[in-house]
Every structure is written in structure tokens, then in C-alpha cells.
Amino acid sequence: MGVLNVANLAPEVERYDPVKSYDKVNHAFGWVPWEPLVKG
């Protein structure tokens, strides 16, 4: 079913969050002010 996870089996354990790692590199240096305009 896809629910065999540490949140259900050991809720007190600090869980690894892949979103945090993604946000860390995704917001790293390299953005420029005109980037949204170029994307559009």
C-alpha cells in the first residue's frame, strides 16, 4: 500500500526530508533578477 514508513512504525525518529536537500541546492547562488522574464 506504500505506508510501511518510519513515520508509522517509529514516529519518534527524526525523518530524512529530501525536500530540504532539494531546496538547499535549488536556492543556491546563480539566480539573476531577469531569470523569470527569460523563462516566460
PDB file of all heavy atoms in Angstrom:
ATOM      1  N   MET A   1       0.818  -1.213   0.000  1.00  0.00           N
ATOM      2  CA  MET A   1       0.000   0.000   0.000  1.00  0.00           C
ATOM      3  C   MET A   1       0.850   1.260   0.000  1.00  0.00           C
ATOM      4  O   MET A   1       0.349   2.356  -0.250  1.00  0.00           O
ATOM      5  CB  MET A   1      -0.924   0.008   1.212  1.00  0.00           C
ATOM      6  CG  MET A   1      -1.983  -1.064   1.206  1.00  0.00           C
ATOM      7  SD  MET A   1      -3.234  -0.799   2.497  1.00  0.00           S
ATOM      8  CE  MET A   1      -2.219  -0.700   3.964  1.00  0.00           C
ATOM      9  N   GLY A   2       2.150   1.146   0.333  1.00  0.00           N
ATOM     10  CA  GLY A   2       3.015   2.316   0.371  1.00  0.00           C
ATOM     11  C   GLY A   2       3.002   3.052   1.678  1.00  0.00           C
ATOM     12  O   GLY A   2       3.376   4.233   1.726  1.00  0.00           O
ATOM     13  N   VAL A   3       2.610   2.399   2.778  1.00  0.00           N
ATOM     14  CA  VAL A   3       2.536   3.068   4.082  1.00  0.00           C
ATOM     15  C   VAL A   3       3.469   2.428   5.097  1.00  0.00           C
ATOM     16  O   VAL A   3       3.370   2.704   6.290  1.00  0.00           O
ATOM     17  CB  VAL A   3       1.088   3.061   4.616  1.00  0.00           C
ATOM     18  CG1 VAL A   3       0.177   3.866   3.717  1.00  0.00           C
ATOM     19  CG2 VAL A   3       0.561   1.633   4.771  1.00  0.00           C
ATOM     20  N   LEU A   4       4.393   1.590   4.632  1.00  0.00           N
ATOM     21  CA  LEU A   4       5.373   0.997   5.544  1.00  0.00           C
ATOM     22  C   LEU A   4       6.532   1.981   5.670  1.00  0.00           C
ATOM     23  O   LEU A   4       7.554   1.871   4.998  1.00  0.00           O
ATOM     24  CB  LEU A   4       5.862  -0.353   5.015  1.00  0.00           C
ATOM     25  CG  LEU A   4       6.712  -1.177   5.984  1.00  0.00           C
ATOM     26  CD1 LEU A   4       5.860  -1.732   7.113  1.00  0.00           C
ATOM     27  CD2 LEU A   4       7.406  -2.317   5.250  1.00  0.00           C
ATOM     28  N   ASN A   5       6.355   2.961   6.529  1.00  0.00           N
ATOM     29  CA  ASN A   5       7.362   4.011   6.665  1.00  0.00           C
ATOM     30  C   ASN A   5       7.676   4.248   8.130  1.00  0.00           C
ATOM     31  O   ASN A   5       6.969   3.802   9.033  1.00  0.00           O
ATOM     32  CB  ASN A   5       6.884   5.303   5.992  1.00  0.00           C
ATOM     33  CG  ASN A   5       5.503   5.714   6.458  1.00  0.00           C
ATOM     34  OD1 ASN A   5       5.247   5.877   7.646  1.00  0.00           O
ATOM     35  ND2 ASN A   5       4.575   5.880   5.512  1.00  0.00           N
ATOM     36  N   VAL A   6       8.755   4.975   8.347  1.00  0.00           N
ATOM     37  CA  VAL A   6       9.215   5.192   9.718  1.00  0.00           C
ATOM     38  C   VAL A   6       8.261   6.084  10.488  1.00  0.00           C
ATOM     39  O   VAL A   6       8.195   6.020  11.716  1.00  0.00           O
ATOM     40  CB  VAL A   6      10.645   5.784   9.690  1.00  0.00           C
ATOM     41  CG1 VAL A   6      10.626   7.242   9.247  1.00  0.00           C
ATOM     42  CG2 VAL A   6      11.327   5.635  11.041  1.00  0.00           C
ATOM     43  N   ALA A   7       7.495   6.911   9.794  1.00  0.00           N
ATOM     44  CA  ALA A   7       6.523   7.759  10.487  1.00  0.00           C
ATOM     45  C   ALA A   7       5.451   6.919  11.177  1.00  0.00           C
ATOM     46  O   ALA A   7       4.975   7.275  12.261  1.00  0.00           O
ATOM     47  CB  ALA A   7       5.868   8.732   9.504  1.00  0.00           C
ATOM     48  N   ASN A   8       5.058   5.806  10.573  1.00  0.00           N
ATOM     49  CA  ASN A   8       4.049   4.929  11.169  1.00  0.00           C
ATOM     50  C   ASN A   8       4.649   3.929  12.143  1.00  0.00           C
ATOM     51  O   ASN A   8       3.988   3.533  13.110  1.00  0.00           O
ATOM     52  CB  ASN A   8       3.300   4.169  10.070  1.00  0.00           C
ATOM     53  CG  ASN A   8       2.394   5.066   9.250  1.00  0.00           C
ATOM     54  OD1 ASN A   8       1.849   6.037   9.766  1.00  0.00           O
ATOM     55  ND2 ASN A   8       2.245   4.768   7.970  1.00  0.00           N
ATOM     56  N   LEU A   9       5.889   3.504  11.908  1.00  0.00           N
ATOM     57  CA  LEU A   9       6.474   2.436  12.706  1.00  0.00           C
ATOM     58  C   LEU A   9       7.319   2.950  13.865  1.00  0.00           C
ATOM     59  O   LEU A   9       7.395   2.299  14.907  1.00  0.00           O
ATOM     60  CB  LEU A   9       7.331   1.535  11.814  1.00  0.00           C
ATOM     61  CG  LEU A   9       6.602   0.865  10.648  1.00  0.00           C
ATOM     62  CD1 LEU A   9       7.585   0.135   9.760  1.00  0.00           C
ATOM     63  CD2 LEU A   9       5.530  -0.086  11.158  1.00  0.00           C
ATOM     64  N   ALA A  10       7.987   4.082  13.679  1.00  0.00           N
ATOM     65  CA  ALA A  10       8.831   4.651  14.735  1.00  0.00           C
ATOM     66  C   ALA A  10       8.717   6.170  14.664  1.00  0.00           C
ATOM     67  O   ALA A  10       9.642   6.863  14.222  1.00  0.00           O
ATOM     68  CB  ALA A  10      10.277   4.201  14.568  1.00  0.00           C
ATOM     69  N   PRO A  11       7.582   6.730  15.074  1.00  0.00           N
ATOM     70  CA  PRO A  11       7.321   8.161  14.875  1.00  0.00           C
ATOM     71  C   PRO A  11       8.277   9.089  15.612  1.00  0.00           C
ATOM     72  O   PRO A  11       8.375  10.268  15.266  1.00  0.00           O
ATOM     73  CB  PRO A  11       5.879   8.323  15.386  1.00  0.00           C
ATOM     74  CG  PRO A  11       5.641   7.156  16.277  1.00  0.00           C
ATOM     75  CD  PRO A  11       6.451   6.035  15.730  1.00  0.00           C
ATOM     76  N   GLU A  12       8.990   8.578  16.619  1.00  0.00           N
ATOM     77  CA  GLU A  12       9.888   9.451  17.372  1.00  0.00           C
ATOM     78  C   GLU A  12      11.219   9.676  16.644  1.00  0.00           C
ATOM     79  O   GLU A  12      12.013  10.532  17.040  1.00  0.00           O
ATOM     80  CB  GLU A  12      10.178   8.852  18.758  1.00  0.00           C
ATOM     81  CG  GLU A  12      11.022   7.584  18.754  1.00  0.00           C
ATOM     82  CD  GLU A  12      10.254   6.336  18.365  1.00  0.00           C
ATOM     83  OE1 GLU A  12       9.024   6.452  18.143  1.00  0.00           O
ATOM     84  OE2 GLU A  12      10.864   5.262  18.302  1.00  0.00           O
ATOM     85  N   VAL A  13      11.474   8.943  15.589  1.00  0.00           N
ATOM     86  CA  VAL A  13      12.735   9.060  14.862  1.00  0.00           C
ATOM     87  C   VAL A  13      12.706  10.292  13.956  1.00  0.00           C
ATOM     88  O   VAL A  13      11.708  10.559  13.286  1.00  0.00           O
ATOM     89  CB  VAL A  13      12.989   7.789  14.030  1.00  0.00           C
ATOM     90  CG1 VAL A  13      14.271   7.933  13.213  1.00  0.00           C
ATOM     91  CG2 VAL A  13      13.072   6.575  14.932  1.00  0.00           C
ATOM     92  N   GLU A  14      13.806  11.036  13.954  1.00  0.00           N
ATOM     93  CA  GLU A  14      13.905  12.179  13.052  1.00  0.00           C
ATOM     94  C   GLU A  14      13.993  11.680  11.617  1.00  0.00           C
ATOM     95  O   GLU A  14      14.878  10.898  11.279  1.00  0.00           O
ATOM     96  CB  GLU A  14      15.137  13.018  13.397  1.00  0.00           C
ATOM     97  CG  GLU A  14      15.277  14.259  12.533  1.00  0.00           C
ATOM     98  CD  GLU A  14      16.478  15.103  12.883  1.00  0.00           C
ATOM     99  OE1 GLU A  14      17.195  14.716  13.849  1.00  0.00           O
ATOM    100  OE2 GLU A  14      16.716  16.125  12.216  1.00  0.00           O
ATOM    101  N   ARG A  15      13.099  12.123  10.772  1.00  0.00           N
ATOM    102  CA  ARG A  15      12.992  11.597   9.423  1.00  0.00           C
ATOM    103  C   ARG A  15      13.852  12.402   8.443  1.00  0.00           C
ATOM    104  O   ARG A  15      13.999  13.618   8.575  1.00  0.00           O
ATOM    105  CB  ARG A  15      11.532  11.588   8.968  1.00  0.00           C
ATOM    106  CG  ARG A  15      10.668  10.636   9.778  1.00  0.00           C
ATOM    107  CD  ARG A  15       9.267  10.514   9.213  1.00  0.00           C
ATOM    108  NE  ARG A  15       8.492  11.716   9.422  1.00  0.00           N
ATOM    109  CZ  ARG A  15       7.853  12.001  10.555  1.00  0.00           C
ATOM    110  NH1 ARG A  15       7.937  11.176  11.586  1.00  0.00           N
ATOM    111  NH2 ARG A  15       7.138  13.086  10.664  1.00  0.00           N
ATOM    112  N   TYR A  16      14.379  11.699   7.468  1.00  0.00           N
ATOM    113  CA  TYR A  16      15.138  12.344   6.396  1.00  0.00           C
ATOM    114  C   TYR A  16      14.156  12.990   5.428  1.00  0.00           C
ATOM    115  O   TYR A  16      13.235  12.338   4.934  1.00  0.00           O
ATOM    116  CB  TYR A  16      16.003  11.304   5.673  1.00  0.00           C
ATOM    117  CG  TYR A  16      16.763  11.871   4.502  1.00  0.00           C
ATOM    118  CD1 TYR A  16      17.963  12.544   4.690  1.00  0.00           C
ATOM    119  CD2 TYR A  16      16.279  11.738   3.201  1.00  0.00           C
ATOM    120  CE1 TYR A  16      18.670  13.063   3.614  1.00  0.00           C
ATOM    121  CE2 TYR A  16      16.977  12.256   2.123  1.00  0.00           C
ATOM    122  CZ  TYR A  16      18.175  12.914   2.341  1.00  0.00           C
ATOM    123  OH  TYR A  16      18.858  13.438   1.271  1.00  0.00           O
ATOM    124  N   ASP A  17      14.371  14.268   5.161  1.00  0.00           N
ATOM    125  CA  ASP A  17      13.468  15.004   4.272  1.00  0.00           C
ATOM    126  C   ASP A  17      14.215  15.369   2.989  1.00  0.00           C
ATOM    127  O   ASP A  17      15.079  16.256   2.991  1.00  0.00           O
ATOM    128  CB  ASP A  17      12.974  16.277   4.968  1.00  0.00           C
ATOM    129  CG  ASP A  17      11.907  17.002   4.156  1.00  0.00           C
ATOM    130  OD1 ASP A  17      11.531  16.485   3.074  1.00  0.00           O
ATOM    131  OD2 ASP A  17      11.435  18.065   4.601  1.00  0.00           O
ATOM    132  N   PRO A  18      13.914  14.688   1.878  1.00  0.00           N
ATOM    133  CA  PRO A  18      14.621  15.012   0.628  1.00  0.00           C
ATOM    134  C   PRO A  18      14.304  16.406   0.115  1.00  0.00           C
ATOM    135  O   PRO A  18      15.080  16.961  -0.675  1.00  0.00           O
ATOM    136  CB  PRO A  18      14.130  13.930  -0.336  1.00  0.00           C
ATOM    137  CG  PRO A  18      12.820  13.477   0.210  1.00  0.00           C
ATOM    138  CD  PRO A  18      12.941  13.603   1.695  1.00  0.00           C
ATOM    139  N   VAL A  19      13.196  16.986   0.558  1.00  0.00           N
ATOM    140  CA  VAL A  19      12.841  18.332   0.095  1.00  0.00           C
ATOM    141  C   VAL A  19      13.841  19.355   0.623  1.00  0.00           C
ATOM    142  O   VAL A  19      14.179  20.329  -0.069  1.00  0.00           O
ATOM    143  CB  VAL A  19      11.406  18.680   0.532  1.00  0.00           C
ATOM    144  CG1 VAL A  19      11.043  20.101   0.112  1.00  0.00           C
ATOM    145  CG2 VAL A  19      10.414  17.691  -0.059  1.00  0.00           C
ATOM    146  N   LYS A  20      14.340  19.157   1.834  1.00  0.00           N
ATOM    147  CA  LYS A  20      15.311  20.094   2.403  1.00  0.00           C
ATOM    148  C   LYS A  20      16.588  20.120   1.577  1.00  0.00           C
ATOM    149  O   LYS A  20      17.136  21.190   1.292  1.00  0.00           O
ATOM    150  CB  LYS A  20      15.617  19.716   3.851  1.00  0.00           C
ATOM    151  CG  LYS A  20      14.473  19.967   4.825  1.00  0.00           C
ATOM    152  CD  LYS A  20      14.904  19.637   6.241  1.00  0.00           C
ATOM    153  CE  LYS A  20      13.773  19.924   7.233  1.00  0.00           C
ATOM    154  NZ  LYS A  20      14.176  19.601   8.627  1.00  0.00           N
ATOM    155  N   SER A  21      17.042  18.950   1.193  1.00  0.00           N
ATOM    156  CA  SER A  21      18.240  18.884   0.359  1.00  0.00           C
ATOM    157  C   SER A  21      17.995  19.547  -0.992  1.00  0.00           C
ATOM    158  O   SER A  21      18.858  20.270  -1.512  1.00  0.00           O
ATOM    159  CB  SER A  21      18.663  17.420   0.170  1.00  0.00           C
ATOM    160  OG  SER A  21      19.737  17.316  -0.732  1.00  0.00           O
ATOM    161  N   TYR A  22      16.821  19.309  -1.553  1.00  0.00           N
ATOM    162  CA  TYR A  22      16.477  19.914  -2.838  1.00  0.00           C
ATOM    163  C   TYR A  22      16.446  21.433  -2.730  1.00  0.00           C
ATOM    164  O   TYR A  22      17.003  22.145  -3.586  1.00  0.00           O
ATOM    165  CB  TYR A  22      15.126  19.385  -3.298  1.00  0.00           C
ATOM    166  CG  TYR A  22      14.576  20.052  -4.539  1.00  0.00           C
ATOM    167  CD1 TYR A  22      15.005  19.679  -5.801  1.00  0.00           C
ATOM    168  CD2 TYR A  22      13.620  21.051  -4.437  1.00  0.00           C
ATOM    169  CE1 TYR A  22      14.498  20.291  -6.942  1.00  0.00           C
ATOM    170  CE2 TYR A  22      13.106  21.667  -5.559  1.00  0.00           C
ATOM    171  CZ  TYR A  22      13.542  21.287  -6.806  1.00  0.00           C
ATOM    172  OH  TYR A  22      13.043  21.900  -7.920  1.00  0.00           O
ATOM    173  N   ASP A  23      15.799  21.938  -1.696  1.00  0.00           N
ATOM    174  CA  ASP A  23      15.704  23.395  -1.530  1.00  0.00           C
ATOM    175  C   ASP A  23      17.087  24.018  -1.319  1.00  0.00           C
ATOM    176  O   ASP A  23      17.349  25.138  -1.773  1.00  0.00           O
ATOM    177  CB  ASP A  23      14.800  23.728  -0.344  1.00  0.00           C
ATOM    178  CG  ASP A  23      13.339  23.407  -0.630  1.00  0.00           C
ATOM    179  OD1 ASP A  23      12.970  23.291  -1.813  1.00  0.00           O
ATOM    180  OD2 ASP A  23      12.566  23.268   0.340  1.00  0.00           O
ATOM    181  N   LYS A  24      17.959  23.288  -0.648  1.00  0.00           N
ATOM    182  CA  LYS A  24      19.289  23.821  -0.367  1.00  0.00           C
ATOM    183  C   LYS A  24      20.056  24.089  -1.656  1.00  0.00           C
ATOM    184  O   LYS A  24      20.670  25.146  -1.822  1.00  0.00           O
ATOM    185  CB  LYS A  24      20.058  22.843   0.517  1.00  0.00           C
ATOM    186  CG  LYS A  24      21.450  23.321   0.879  1.00  0.00           C
ATOM    187  CD  LYS A  24      22.152  22.311   1.779  1.00  0.00           C
ATOM    188  CE  LYS A  24      23.564  22.769   2.122  1.00  0.00           C
ATOM    189  NZ  LYS A  24      24.260  21.803   2.998  1.00  0.00           N
ATOM    190  N   VAL A  25      20.038  23.142  -2.583  1.00  0.00           N
ATOM    191  CA  VAL A  25      20.775  23.331  -3.826  1.00  0.00           C
ATOM    192  C   VAL A  25      19.981  24.167  -4.833  1.00  0.00           C
ATOM    193  O   VAL A  25      20.564  24.885  -5.647  1.00  0.00           O
ATOM    194  CB  VAL A  25      21.161  21.970  -4.453  1.00  0.00           C
ATOM    195  CG1 VAL A  25      22.057  21.198  -3.513  1.00  0.00           C
ATOM    196  CG2 VAL A  25      19.927  21.149  -4.794  1.00  0.00           C
ATOM    197  N   ASN A  26      18.666  24.096  -4.761  1.00  0.00           N
ATOM    198  CA  ASN A  26      17.839  24.816  -5.724  1.00  0.00           C
ATOM    199  C   ASN A  26      17.899  26.316  -5.500  1.00  0.00           C
ATOM    200  O   ASN A  26      17.716  27.096  -6.433  1.00  0.00           O
ATOM    201  CB  ASN A  26      16.393  24.326  -5.629  1.00  0.00           C
ATOM    202  CG  ASN A  26      15.560  24.783  -6.803  1.00  0.00           C
ATOM    203  OD1 ASN A  26      16.033  24.831  -7.932  1.00  0.00           O
ATOM    204  ND2 ASN A  26      14.310  25.129  -6.538  1.00  0.00           N
ATOM    205  N   HIS A  27      18.126  26.720  -4.254  1.00  0.00           N
ATOM    206  CA  HIS A  27      18.202  28.144  -3.936  1.00  0.00           C
ATOM    207  C   HIS A  27      19.636  28.615  -3.778  1.00  0.00           C
ATOM    208  O   HIS A  27      19.888  29.661  -3.187  1.00  0.00           O
ATOM    209  CB  HIS A  27      17.414  28.430  -2.656  1.00  0.00           C
ATOM    210  CG  HIS A  27      15.961  28.117  -2.783  1.00  0.00           C
ATOM    211  ND1 HIS A  27      15.175  27.722  -1.725  1.00  0.00           N
ATOM    212  CD2 HIS A  27      15.141  28.119  -3.865  1.00  0.00           C
ATOM    213  CE1 HIS A  27      13.939  27.504  -2.142  1.00  0.00           C
ATOM    214  NE2 HIS A  27      13.893  27.734  -3.445  1.00  0.00           N
ATOM    215  N   ALA A  28      20.585  27.823  -4.273  1.00  0.00           N
ATOM    216  CA  ALA A  28      21.986  28.220  -4.177  1.00  0.00           C
ATOM    217  C   ALA A  28      22.260  29.385  -5.116  1.00  0.00           C
ATOM    218  O   ALA A  28      21.438  29.776  -5.948  1.00  0.00           O
ATOM    219  CB  ALA A  28      22.877  27.028  -4.525  1.00  0.00           C
ATOM    220  N   PHE A  29      23.473  29.943  -5.018  1.00  0.00           N
ATOM    221  CA  PHE A  29      23.858  31.097  -5.836  1.00  0.00           C
ATOM    222  C   PHE A  29      23.733  30.783  -7.326  1.00  0.00           C
ATOM    223  O   PHE A  29      24.101  29.706  -7.762  1.00  0.00           O
ATOM    224  CB  PHE A  29      25.295  31.492  -5.508  1.00  0.00           C
ATOM    225  CG  PHE A  29      25.807  32.614  -6.370  1.00  0.00           C
ATOM    226  CD1 PHE A  29      25.443  33.907  -6.123  1.00  0.00           C
ATOM    227  CD2 PHE A  29      26.646  32.345  -7.435  1.00  0.00           C
ATOM    228  CE1 PHE A  29      25.906  34.938  -6.921  1.00  0.00           C
ATOM    229  CE2 PHE A  29      27.121  33.370  -8.242  1.00  0.00           C
ATOM    230  CZ  PHE A  29      26.749  34.666  -7.977  1.00  0.00           C
ATOM    231  N   GLY A  30      23.275  31.703  -8.078  1.00  0.00           N
ATOM    232  CA  GLY A  30      23.142  31.531  -9.511  1.00  0.00           C
ATOM    233  C   GLY A  30      21.904  32.199 -10.071  1.00  0.00           C
ATOM    234  O   GLY A  30      21.793  32.377 -11.273  1.00  0.00           O
ATOM    235  N   TRP A  31      20.992  32.617  -9.210  1.00  0.00           N
ATOM    236  CA  TRP A  31      19.771  33.267  -9.689  1.00  0.00           C
ATOM    237  C   TRP A  31      20.074  34.695 -10.115  1.00  0.00           C
ATOM    238  O   TRP A  31      20.913  35.384  -9.528  1.00  0.00           O
ATOM    239  CB  TRP A  31      18.732  33.257  -8.579  1.00  0.00           C
ATOM    240  CG  TRP A  31      17.428  33.871  -8.965  1.00  0.00           C
ATOM    241  CD1 TRP A  31      16.392  33.273  -9.601  1.00  0.00           C
ATOM    242  CD2 TRP A  31      17.011  35.222  -8.714  1.00  0.00           C
ATOM    243  NE1 TRP A  31      15.353  34.146  -9.784  1.00  0.00           N
ATOM    244  CE2 TRP A  31      15.710  35.364  -9.241  1.00  0.00           C
ATOM    245  CE3 TRP A  31      17.610  36.320  -8.108  1.00  0.00           C
ATOM    246  CZ2 TRP A  31      15.004  36.548  -9.171  1.00  0.00           C
ATOM    247  CZ3 TRP A  31      16.909  37.507  -8.043  1.00  0.00           C
ATOM    248  CH2 TRP A  31      15.615  37.612  -8.569  1.00  0.00           C
ATOM    249  N   VAL A  32      19.419  35.143 -11.178  1.00  0.00           N
ATOM    250  CA  VAL A  32      19.556  36.528 -11.633  1.00  0.00           C
ATOM    251  C   VAL A  32      18.161  37.142 -11.710  1.00  0.00           C
ATOM    252  O   VAL A  32      17.169  36.436 -11.918  1.00  0.00           O
ATOM    253  CB  VAL A  32      20.248  36.585 -13.015  1.00  0.00           C
ATOM    254  CG1 VAL A  32      21.711  36.178 -12.902  1.00  0.00           C
ATOM    255  CG2 VAL A  32      19.532  35.710 -14.029  1.00  0.00           C
ATOM    256  N   PRO A  33      18.061  38.468 -11.558  1.00  0.00           N
ATOM    257  CA  PRO A  33      16.730  39.106 -11.478  1.00  0.00           C
ATOM    258  C   PRO A  33      15.875  38.901 -12.719  1.00  0.00           C
ATOM    259  O   PRO A  33      14.641  38.877 -12.634  1.00  0.00           O
ATOM    260  CB  PRO A  33      17.068  40.589 -11.262  1.00  0.00           C
ATOM    261  CG  PRO A  33      18.441  40.586 -10.673  1.00  0.00           C
ATOM    262  CD  PRO A  33      19.141  39.416 -11.284  1.00  0.00           C
ATOM    263  N   TRP A  34      16.520  38.797 -13.871  1.00  0.00           N
ATOM    264  CA  TRP A  34      15.729  38.688 -15.107  1.00  0.00           C
ATOM    265  C   TRP A  34      15.412  37.235 -15.490  1.00  0.00           C
ATOM    266  O   TRP A  34      14.859  36.985 -16.540  1.00  0.00           O
ATOM    267  CB  TRP A  34      16.445  39.385 -16.259  1.00  0.00           C
ATOM    268  CG  TRP A  34      17.838  38.881 -16.508  1.00  0.00           C
ATOM    269  CD1 TRP A  34      18.210  37.829 -17.282  1.00  0.00           C
ATOM    270  CD2 TRP A  34      19.053  39.426 -15.985  1.00  0.00           C
ATOM    271  NE1 TRP A  34      19.559  37.659 -17.277  1.00  0.00           N
ATOM    272  CE2 TRP A  34      20.116  38.636 -16.488  1.00  0.00           C
ATOM    273  CE3 TRP A  34      19.354  40.491 -15.129  1.00  0.00           C
ATOM    274  CZ2 TRP A  34      21.447  38.890 -16.169  1.00  0.00           C
ATOM    275  CZ3 TRP A  34      20.676  40.746 -14.818  1.00  0.00           C
ATOM    276  CH2 TRP A  34      21.699  39.956 -15.327  1.00  0.00           C
ATOM    277  N   GLU A  35      15.753  36.299 -14.636  1.00  0.00           N
ATOM    278  CA  GLU A  35      15.510  34.887 -14.950  1.00  0.00           C
ATOM    279  C   GLU A  35      14.031  34.586 -15.182  1.00  0.00           C
ATOM    280  O   GLU A  35      13.684  33.890 -16.144  1.00  0.00           O
ATOM    281  CB  GLU A  35      16.069  34.000 -13.843  1.00  0.00           C
ATOM    282  CG  GLU A  35      15.907  32.510 -14.112  1.00  0.00           C
ATOM    283  CD  GLU A  35      16.558  31.665 -13.024  1.00  0.00           C
ATOM    284  OE1 GLU A  35      17.555  32.116 -12.432  1.00  0.00           O
ATOM    285  OE2 GLU A  35      16.047  30.556 -12.764  1.00  0.00           O
ATOM    286  N   PRO A  36      13.097  35.080 -14.324  1.00  0.00           N
ATOM    287  CA  PRO A  36      11.675  34.797 -14.598  1.00  0.00           C
ATOM    288  C   PRO A  36      11.219  35.337 -15.955  1.00  0.00           C
ATOM    289  O   PRO A  36      10.397  34.705 -16.624  1.00  0.00           O
ATOM    290  CB  PRO A  36      10.951  35.498 -13.437  1.00  0.00           C
ATOM    291  CG  PRO A  36      11.969  35.568 -12.337  1.00  0.00           C
ATOM    292  CD  PRO A  36      13.277  35.777 -13.031  1.00  0.00           C
ATOM    293  N   LEU A  37      11.769  36.484 -16.361  1.00  0.00           N
ATOM    294  CA  LEU A  37      11.387  37.048 -17.658  1.00  0.00           C
ATOM    295  C   LEU A  37      11.861  36.144 -18.792  1.00  0.00           C
ATOM    296  O   LEU A  37      11.120  35.879 -19.744  1.00  0.00           O
ATOM    297  CB  LEU A  37      11.974  38.451 -17.803  1.00  0.00           C
ATOM    298  CG  LEU A  37      11.733  39.141 -19.155  1.00  0.00           C
ATOM    299  CD1 LEU A  37      10.243  39.312 -19.416  1.00  0.00           C
ATOM    300  CD2 LEU A  37      12.461  40.481 -19.208  1.00  0.00           C
ATOM    301  N   VAL A  38      13.092  35.642 -18.693  1.00  0.00           N
ATOM    302  CA  VAL A  38      13.616  34.763 -19.731  1.00  0.00           C
ATOM    303  C   VAL A  38      12.805  33.469 -19.786  1.00  0.00           C
ATOM    304  O   VAL A  38      12.508  32.944 -20.871  1.00  0.00           O
ATOM    305  CB  VAL A  38      15.106  34.473 -19.478  1.00  0.00           C
ATOM    306  CG1 VAL A  38      15.652  33.484 -20.510  1.00  0.00           C
ATOM    307  CG2 VAL A  38      15.910  35.762 -19.509  1.00  0.00           C
ATOM    308  N   LYS A  39      12.424  32.950 -18.629  1.00  0.00           N
ATOM    309  CA  LYS A  39      11.594  31.744 -18.601  1.00  0.00           C
ATOM    310  C   LYS A  39      10.270  31.979 -19.311  1.00  0.00           C
ATOM    311  O   LYS A  39       9.787  31.131 -20.076  1.00  0.00           O
ATOM    312  CB  LYS A  39      11.331  31.308 -17.161  1.00  0.00           C
ATOM    313  CG  LYS A  39      12.525  30.694 -16.451  1.00  0.00           C
ATOM    314  CD  LYS A  39      12.144  30.266 -15.050  1.00  0.00           C
ATOM    315  CE  LYS A  39      13.324  29.636 -14.320  1.00  0.00           C
ATOM    316  NZ  LYS A  39      12.954  29.233 -12.933  1.00  0.00           N
ATOM    317  N   GLY A  40       9.660  33.138 -19.034  1.00  0.00           N
ATOM    318  CA  GLY A  40       8.383  33.442 -19.669  1.00  0.00           C
ATOM    319  C   GLY A  40       8.498  33.562 -21.175  1.00  0.00           C
ATOM    320  O   GLY A  40       7.648  33.064 -21.928  1.00  0.00           O
TER     321      GLY A  40
END
